[in-house]
Amino acid sequence: MISSTTPLFPLLRLALDPSAEAPDLSALTEADWEALVNLSFEEGVAAVAVDGLQSLYDRQPELELALDSPELEGLKYEWFGSTFQAEEDYHRQVEAISALAKVYGQEQMDMMLLKGYSLSLNYPVPEHRPAGDIDIYLPDWKKGDGIIRKMGIRVDTGHEHHTTFTFSGVMVENHYDFINTKAHRDAPKIEAKLKALSASGSREHLLPDGTKILLPSADFNVIFLIRHLGQHFAGERITLRQILDYGLFLQKECGSVHWSELVPFIKEMGIWAFFNQINAICEDYLGLHLDGVPAIERNEELERRILEDVLHPEFAEQKPSGLIPVLAFKARRWWHNRWKHPLVYDEWLLPMLLTLAWSHLRR
């Protein structure tokens, strides 16, 4: 159990709030530093952790000397180098987003951006949030794919709620549904809510070069992000980067959320307990200020178990290759993760298993 003792958390708190209490890392051994750096990479927060370390240097100059030792020199270069790589990836992604928005704009189509760049705007250093795929939503996704095909770009339709293509070297997911409506029985109801929120509350945003895109409303993101986080948690695993995405969004936007309307729906989704414990992790371990969020109903034992599974997943097998081994692997993972399902889905386990099995076979 290292959730409350790993030095990664105080470094992240310092990166997010330079006035946070400074940790004393003077007693860390070479093995401790290696474990810290590796964990920051595994959790997708290496560049953010380096930001915290930079703030710590101002208070503990001797720490910089310790990291300059021959034993730690290579580790330090790898860690600090992650910030430069993150910045390069980020700028490349923003350029691709701008170019793609211009392509659709020529056809009078407004492109809504999901997750990714929009969530990076909540970080103290947006460029230090790892850049991944570009997730978009268009008013007419079929027309959008047709435009891409006319450019000679192959569009992959073999997915359950989006198509994919590579644009300017970056993978793009063009969503026709915000969530997979085929894997869980409650999904169509949640999808209908997200579609309604996307139609009524999107907002304009200008990229650094002045290109216009749309971003979802705060109400949309509350439902979308907690469901997305929950699906990854129950199905596979989540990382601290994903929790940071969600928590930093809430810290910035919670005052814009219509909680009196959303809380009953969050409870109806069956994800209320998970919602509360993720909020608790954001406050207790990451030091975020969620003052405008409904009072957290804490369950300390559950909060710790969720966080331990984030850092060290209880099911840690590597996915094999081959149809039968993969199906057996997914069955074992589902069984090991069965304690997570009631936290995320309002379904009985057996019907859920049958629905998931049919969804996988059909795909």
Protein backbone atom coordinates (compact mmCIF):
# COMPACT_ATOMS: atom_id res chain seq x y z
CA MET A 1 0.00 0.00 0.00
CA ILE A 2 1.86 3.11 -1.19
CA SER A 3 -0.97 5.46 -2.08
CA SER A 4 -0.34 7.91 0.74
CA THR A 5 3.45 7.55 0.93
CA THR A 6 4.76 7.72 -2.64
CA PRO A 7 6.52 11.07 -3.23
CA LEU A 8 4.72 11.34 -6.57
CA PHE A 9 1.66 12.87 -4.93
CA PRO A 10 3.41 15.78 -3.17
CA LEU A 11 5.27 16.53 -6.41
CA LEU A 12 1.99 16.63 -8.33
CA ARG A 13 0.39 18.82 -5.67
CA LEU A 14 3.33 21.20 -5.93
CA ALA A 15 3.05 21.29 -9.73
CA LEU A 16 -0.65 22.13 -9.50
CA ASP A 17 -0.23 24.64 -6.68
CA PRO A 18 3.25 26.17 -6.08
CA SER A 19 2.12 27.23 -2.59
CA ALA A 20 1.50 23.61 -1.55
CA GLU A 21 3.59 22.07 1.20
CA ALA A 22 7.03 21.05 -0.06
CA PRO A 23 7.99 17.39 0.49
CA ASP A 24 11.38 16.43 1.87
CA LEU A 25 12.95 14.09 -0.67
CA SER A 26 16.47 14.25 0.74
CA ALA A 27 16.30 10.70 2.11
CA LEU A 28 15.33 9.06 -1.22
CA THR A 29 17.74 6.38 -2.36
CA GLU A 30 18.69 5.69 -5.96
CA ALA A 31 16.12 2.88 -5.98
CA ASP A 32 13.48 5.28 -4.60
CA TRP A 33 14.17 7.82 -7.34
CA GLU A 34 13.99 5.13 -9.99
CA ALA A 35 10.64 3.89 -8.64
CA LEU A 36 9.31 7.46 -8.54
CA VAL A 37 10.33 8.23 -12.11
CA ASN A 38 8.99 4.92 -13.44
CA LEU A 39 5.67 5.44 -11.65
CA SER A 40 5.33 8.95 -13.12
CA PHE A 41 5.76 7.51 -16.62
CA GLU A 42 3.36 4.61 -15.99
CA GLU A 43 0.71 7.04 -14.73
CA GLY A 44 1.13 9.49 -17.62
CA VAL A 45 2.20 12.40 -15.40
CA ALA A 46 5.98 12.48 -15.89
CA ALA A 47 6.11 16.04 -17.25
CA VAL A 48 3.73 17.31 -14.56
CA ALA A 49 5.86 15.69 -11.85
CA VAL A 50 8.95 17.41 -13.29
CA ASP A 51 7.10 20.73 -12.95
CA GLY A 52 6.65 19.94 -9.26
CA LEU A 53 10.33 19.06 -8.94
CA GLN A 54 11.32 22.34 -10.56
CA SER A 55 9.28 24.19 -7.94
CA LEU A 56 10.95 22.13 -5.23
CA TYR A 57 14.42 23.12 -6.46
CA ASP A 58 13.72 26.71 -5.40
CA ARG A 59 13.19 25.57 -1.82
CA GLN A 60 15.70 22.72 -1.66
CA PRO A 61 18.68 23.58 -3.95
CA GLU A 62 20.63 20.61 -2.60
CA LEU A 63 18.09 18.30 -4.25
CA GLU A 64 19.29 19.34 -7.71
CA LEU A 65 22.82 18.42 -6.71
CA ALA A 66 21.63 14.98 -5.55
CA LEU A 67 20.00 14.31 -8.92
CA ASP A 68 23.21 15.35 -10.69
CA SER A 69 25.04 12.38 -9.21
CA PRO A 70 26.50 9.93 -11.77
CA GLU A 71 24.16 7.17 -10.58
CA LEU A 72 21.05 9.24 -11.31
CA GLU A 73 22.23 11.25 -14.32
CA GLY A 74 20.63 9.02 -16.96
CA LEU A 75 17.37 8.83 -15.00
CA LYS A 76 17.28 12.61 -14.69
CA TYR A 77 17.81 13.14 -18.43
CA GLU A 78 15.03 10.68 -19.25
CA TRP A 79 12.64 12.34 -16.81
CA PHE A 80 13.36 15.93 -17.79
CA GLY A 81 13.43 14.93 -21.44
CA SER A 82 9.81 13.85 -21.12
CA THR A 83 8.78 17.50 -20.83
CA PHE A 84 10.37 18.40 -24.16
CA GLN A 85 8.78 15.37 -25.84
CA ALA A 86 5.39 16.25 -24.35
CA GLU A 87 5.69 19.81 -25.67
CA GLU A 88 6.62 18.64 -29.18
CA ASP A 89 3.72 16.15 -29.26
CA TYR A 90 1.33 18.78 -27.95
CA HIS A 91 2.19 21.40 -30.57
CA ARG A 92 2.02 18.80 -33.33
CA GLN A 93 -1.45 17.80 -32.13
CA VAL A 94 -2.69 21.40 -31.95
CA GLU A 95 -1.47 21.99 -35.52
CA ALA A 96 -3.34 18.85 -36.66
CA ILE A 97 -6.52 19.96 -34.84
CA SER A 98 -6.34 23.36 -36.52
CA ALA A 99 -5.74 21.88 -39.97
CA LEU A 100 -8.63 19.40 -39.57
CA ALA A 101 -11.01 22.10 -38.31
CA LYS A 102 -10.14 24.19 -41.37
CA VAL A 103 -10.94 21.24 -43.68
CA TYR A 104 -14.40 20.86 -42.15
CA GLY A 105 -14.88 24.62 -41.90
CA GLN A 106 -14.58 24.91 -45.67
CA GLU A 107 -17.70 22.71 -45.82
CA GLN A 108 -19.51 24.84 -43.20
CA MET A 109 -19.12 22.10 -40.58
CA ASP A 110 -18.29 22.96 -36.97
CA MET A 111 -15.97 20.42 -35.30
CA MET A 112 -16.47 19.67 -31.62
CA LEU A 113 -13.37 18.49 -29.78
CA LEU A 114 -13.71 15.93 -26.99
CA LYS A 115 -11.20 15.37 -24.15
CA GLY A 116 -7.55 15.86 -25.19
CA TYR A 117 -6.64 19.44 -26.02
CA SER A 118 -9.75 20.86 -24.33
CA LEU A 119 -8.77 19.23 -21.02
CA SER A 120 -5.16 20.35 -21.33
CA LEU A 121 -6.40 23.94 -21.03
CA ASN A 122 -7.11 23.25 -17.34
CA TYR A 123 -3.48 22.29 -16.59
CA PRO A 124 -0.99 24.85 -15.20
CA VAL A 125 1.23 23.99 -18.20
CA PRO A 126 -1.12 22.70 -20.94
CA GLU A 127 1.80 21.40 -23.01
CA HIS A 128 2.73 18.97 -20.23
CA ARG A 129 -0.47 16.95 -20.53
CA PRO A 130 0.43 13.96 -22.78
CA ALA A 131 -1.14 14.29 -26.23
CA GLY A 132 -2.94 11.26 -27.61
CA ASP A 133 -5.63 10.77 -30.24
CA ILE A 134 -7.86 13.58 -31.47
CA ASP A 135 -11.50 12.84 -30.55
CA ILE A 136 -14.06 14.81 -32.54
CA TYR A 137 -17.82 15.04 -32.99
CA LEU A 138 -19.49 16.42 -36.13
CA PRO A 139 -23.13 17.26 -36.84
CA ASP A 140 -22.94 14.89 -39.81
CA TRP A 141 -20.22 12.31 -39.23
CA LYS A 142 -20.86 10.50 -42.51
CA LYS A 143 -20.31 13.69 -44.46
CA GLY A 144 -17.18 14.29 -42.40
CA ASP A 145 -15.79 10.88 -43.30
CA GLY A 146 -16.66 11.47 -46.93
CA ILE A 147 -14.60 14.67 -46.92
CA ILE A 148 -11.63 12.78 -45.51
CA ARG A 149 -11.94 9.99 -48.10
CA LYS A 150 -11.92 12.57 -50.90
CA MET A 151 -8.50 13.63 -49.59
CA GLY A 152 -7.24 10.09 -50.24
CA ILE A 153 -7.18 9.17 -46.55
CA ARG A 154 -8.41 5.72 -45.52
CA VAL A 155 -11.23 5.70 -42.95
CA ASP A 156 -11.54 2.65 -40.66
CA THR A 157 -15.18 1.84 -39.82
CA GLY A 158 -14.48 -1.25 -37.70
CA HIS A 159 -15.31 0.32 -34.34
CA GLU A 160 -18.46 0.44 -32.26
CA HIS A 161 -19.08 4.17 -31.76
CA HIS A 162 -16.60 6.02 -33.97
CA THR A 163 -14.58 5.80 -37.15
CA THR A 164 -10.83 6.41 -37.25
CA PHE A 165 -8.32 7.86 -39.66
CA THR A 166 -4.83 9.32 -39.54
CA PHE A 167 -4.54 13.03 -40.26
CA SER A 168 -1.23 14.95 -40.23
CA GLY A 169 0.34 11.98 -38.49
CA VAL A 170 -2.20 11.90 -35.63
CA MET A 171 -4.96 9.33 -35.09
CA VAL A 172 -8.45 10.85 -35.19
CA GLU A 173 -11.60 9.28 -33.75
CA ASN A 174 -14.74 10.66 -35.41
CA HIS A 175 -17.55 9.88 -32.98
CA TYR A 176 -21.09 9.23 -34.09
CA ASP A 177 -21.90 8.15 -30.51
CA PHE A 178 -20.15 9.58 -27.48
CA ILE A 179 -20.09 6.22 -25.68
CA ASN A 180 -20.42 2.61 -26.80
CA THR A 181 -24.18 2.01 -26.77
CA LYS A 182 -23.86 -1.72 -27.47
CA ALA A 183 -21.83 -2.97 -24.51
CA HIS A 184 -24.13 -1.98 -21.61
CA ARG A 185 -27.88 -1.78 -21.29
CA ASP A 186 -27.85 1.64 -19.64
CA ALA A 187 -25.71 3.17 -22.41
CA PRO A 188 -28.53 4.32 -24.76
CA LYS A 189 -30.09 6.40 -21.96
CA ILE A 190 -26.74 8.04 -21.17
CA GLU A 191 -26.01 8.59 -24.85
CA ALA A 192 -29.36 10.35 -25.28
CA LYS A 193 -28.50 12.66 -22.38
CA LEU A 194 -25.09 13.45 -23.88
CA LYS A 195 -26.60 14.11 -27.32
CA ALA A 196 -29.09 16.54 -25.77
CA LEU A 197 -26.38 18.33 -23.79
CA SER A 198 -24.11 18.57 -26.83
CA ALA A 199 -26.89 20.10 -28.89
CA SER A 200 -27.82 22.72 -26.32
CA GLY A 201 -24.59 23.83 -24.69
CA SER A 202 -21.45 23.68 -26.84
CA ARG A 203 -19.21 26.76 -26.80
CA GLU A 204 -16.85 28.32 -29.29
CA HIS A 205 -13.09 28.28 -28.72
CA LEU A 206 -10.30 29.82 -30.76
CA LEU A 207 -7.09 27.87 -31.19
CA PRO A 208 -3.78 29.77 -30.89
CA ASP A 209 -3.85 30.52 -34.65
CA GLY A 210 -7.44 31.81 -34.50
CA THR A 211 -9.13 28.71 -35.92
CA LYS A 212 -12.58 28.12 -34.43
CA ILE A 213 -13.60 24.82 -32.85
CA LEU A 214 -16.39 23.84 -30.47
CA LEU A 215 -15.91 22.55 -26.93
CA PRO A 216 -18.55 20.70 -24.87
CA SER A 217 -20.41 22.37 -22.04
CA ALA A 218 -19.44 21.78 -18.42
CA ASP A 219 -22.66 19.77 -17.89
CA PHE A 220 -21.76 17.50 -20.80
CA ASN A 221 -18.23 16.92 -19.52
CA VAL A 222 -19.37 15.94 -16.02
CA ILE A 223 -21.42 13.05 -17.43
CA PHE A 224 -19.06 12.18 -20.27
CA LEU A 225 -15.82 12.23 -18.26
CA ILE A 226 -17.08 10.29 -15.22
CA ARG A 227 -18.65 7.63 -17.48
CA HIS A 228 -15.50 7.43 -19.61
CA LEU A 229 -13.36 7.17 -16.48
CA GLY A 230 -15.66 4.54 -15.01
CA GLN A 231 -15.69 2.40 -18.16
CA HIS A 232 -11.89 2.29 -18.27
CA PHE A 233 -11.73 1.58 -14.53
CA ALA A 234 -14.21 -1.30 -14.64
CA GLY A 235 -13.03 -2.71 -17.95
CA GLU A 236 -9.26 -2.36 -17.68
CA ARG A 237 -7.54 0.29 -15.57
CA ILE A 238 -7.20 4.05 -15.25
CA THR A 239 -4.16 6.24 -14.65
CA LEU A 240 -3.47 9.33 -12.58
CA ARG A 241 -3.40 11.35 -15.81
CA GLN A 242 -7.04 10.45 -16.44
CA ILE A 243 -7.97 11.40 -12.88
CA LEU A 244 -6.06 14.68 -13.27
CA ASP A 245 -7.97 15.38 -16.49
CA TYR A 246 -11.24 14.95 -14.67
CA GLY A 247 -10.22 16.69 -11.43
CA LEU A 248 -8.67 19.76 -13.05
CA PHE A 249 -11.77 20.14 -15.22
CA LEU A 250 -13.98 20.02 -12.12
CA GLN A 251 -11.77 22.45 -10.20
CA LYS A 252 -12.07 25.01 -13.02
CA GLU A 253 -15.61 24.43 -14.26
CA CYS A 254 -17.62 23.17 -11.26
CA GLY A 255 -19.19 26.60 -10.78
CA SER A 256 -20.69 26.38 -14.28
CA VAL A 257 -22.34 22.99 -13.70
CA HIS A 258 -26.09 22.76 -13.07
CA TRP A 259 -25.68 20.30 -10.21
CA SER A 260 -29.35 20.28 -9.20
CA GLU A 261 -30.15 18.82 -12.62
CA LEU A 262 -27.13 16.52 -12.98
CA VAL A 263 -26.89 14.91 -9.53
CA PRO A 264 -30.19 12.96 -9.93
CA PHE A 265 -28.98 11.69 -13.31
CA ILE A 266 -25.56 10.70 -11.93
CA LYS A 267 -27.37 8.70 -9.26
CA GLU A 268 -29.68 7.19 -11.87
CA MET A 269 -26.59 6.08 -13.82
CA GLY A 270 -25.52 4.03 -10.79
CA ILE A 271 -22.11 5.72 -10.69
CA TRP A 272 -22.69 7.95 -7.64
CA ALA A 273 -20.33 6.05 -5.29
CA PHE A 274 -17.54 6.04 -7.87
CA PHE A 275 -18.15 9.75 -8.59
CA ASN A 276 -17.75 10.54 -4.88
CA GLN A 277 -14.57 8.50 -4.35
CA ILE A 278 -12.86 9.94 -7.45
CA ASN A 279 -13.73 13.41 -6.14
CA ALA A 280 -12.26 12.40 -2.78
CA ILE A 281 -9.01 11.23 -4.43
CA CYS A 282 -8.79 14.56 -6.27
CA GLU A 283 -9.03 16.46 -2.99
CA ASP A 284 -7.19 14.13 -0.59
CA TYR A 285 -4.23 13.06 -2.74
CA LEU A 286 -3.95 15.62 -5.54
CA GLY A 287 -4.82 18.66 -3.44
CA LEU A 288 -7.45 19.96 -5.86
CA HIS A 289 -10.13 22.40 -4.69
CA LEU A 290 -13.59 21.15 -5.59
CA ASP A 291 -15.46 23.75 -3.56
CA GLY A 292 -18.44 23.95 -5.91
CA VAL A 293 -18.99 20.19 -6.17
CA PRO A 294 -21.74 18.52 -4.09
CA ALA A 295 -20.51 17.47 -0.63
CA ILE A 296 -18.39 14.35 -1.02
CA GLU A 297 -19.81 11.18 0.54
CA ARG A 298 -16.52 9.57 1.52
CA ASN A 299 -15.83 5.88 1.95
CA GLU A 300 -12.15 5.84 2.94
CA GLU A 301 -11.70 2.10 2.45
CA LEU A 302 -13.19 2.23 -1.05
CA GLU A 303 -11.24 5.40 -1.88
CA ARG A 304 -7.96 3.71 -0.95
CA ARG A 305 -8.81 0.53 -2.86
CA ILE A 306 -9.64 2.48 -6.02
CA LEU A 307 -6.40 4.44 -5.75
CA GLU A 308 -4.33 1.33 -5.09
CA ASP A 309 -5.83 -0.25 -8.21
CA VAL A 310 -4.85 2.85 -10.17
CA LEU A 311 -1.24 2.59 -9.03
CA HIS A 312 -1.00 -1.21 -8.91
CA PRO A 313 -3.93 -2.88 -10.75
CA GLU A 314 -5.21 -5.94 -8.96
CA PHE A 315 -5.44 -7.67 -12.34
CA ALA A 316 -2.06 -7.16 -13.99
CA GLU A 317 -1.87 -9.88 -16.65
CA GLN A 318 -0.59 -8.86 -20.07
CA LYS A 319 -2.99 -9.31 -22.98
CA PRO A 320 -2.01 -12.33 -25.12
CA SER A 321 -2.46 -12.79 -28.86
CA GLY A 322 -4.87 -15.14 -30.62
CA LEU A 323 -8.68 -15.25 -30.48
CA ILE A 324 -9.14 -17.97 -27.84
CA PRO A 325 -6.37 -16.71 -25.47
CA VAL A 326 -7.74 -13.16 -25.75
CA LEU A 327 -11.29 -14.29 -24.96
CA ALA A 328 -10.01 -16.28 -21.95
CA PHE A 329 -7.94 -13.27 -20.83
CA LYS A 330 -10.94 -10.94 -21.04
CA ALA A 331 -13.09 -13.40 -19.08
CA ARG A 332 -10.46 -13.58 -16.30
CA ARG A 333 -10.11 -9.81 -16.25
CA TRP A 334 -13.87 -9.35 -16.07
CA TRP A 335 -14.08 -11.78 -13.15
CA HIS A 336 -11.20 -10.16 -11.25
CA ASN A 337 -12.75 -6.73 -11.81
CA ARG A 338 -16.26 -7.73 -10.79
CA TRP A 339 -16.01 -5.62 -7.60
CA LYS A 340 -15.70 -2.54 -9.82
CA HIS A 341 -18.79 -3.09 -11.97
CA PRO A 342 -21.46 -2.08 -9.40
CA LEU A 343 -19.54 1.18 -8.87
CA VAL A 344 -19.94 2.12 -12.52
CA TYR A 345 -22.95 0.35 -14.03
CA ASP A 346 -26.56 0.03 -12.94
CA GLU A 347 -26.75 -3.60 -14.10
CA TRP A 348 -26.72 -7.09 -12.65
CA LEU A 349 -23.47 -8.96 -13.26
CA LEU A 350 -24.86 -11.90 -15.28
CA PRO A 351 -26.85 -9.80 -17.80
CA MET A 352 -23.84 -7.50 -18.07
CA LEU A 353 -21.55 -10.44 -18.86
CA LEU A 354 -23.94 -11.73 -21.53
CA THR A 355 -24.27 -8.28 -23.11
CA LEU A 356 -20.50 -7.81 -23.15
CA ALA A 357 -19.89 -11.28 -24.57
CA TRP A 358 -22.40 -10.72 -27.38
CA SER A 359 -20.87 -7.29 -28.10
CA HIS A 360 -17.37 -8.80 -28.38
CA LEU A 361 -18.52 -11.68 -30.57
CA ARG A 362 -20.41 -9.34 -32.87
CA ARG A 363 -17.38 -7.08 -33.19
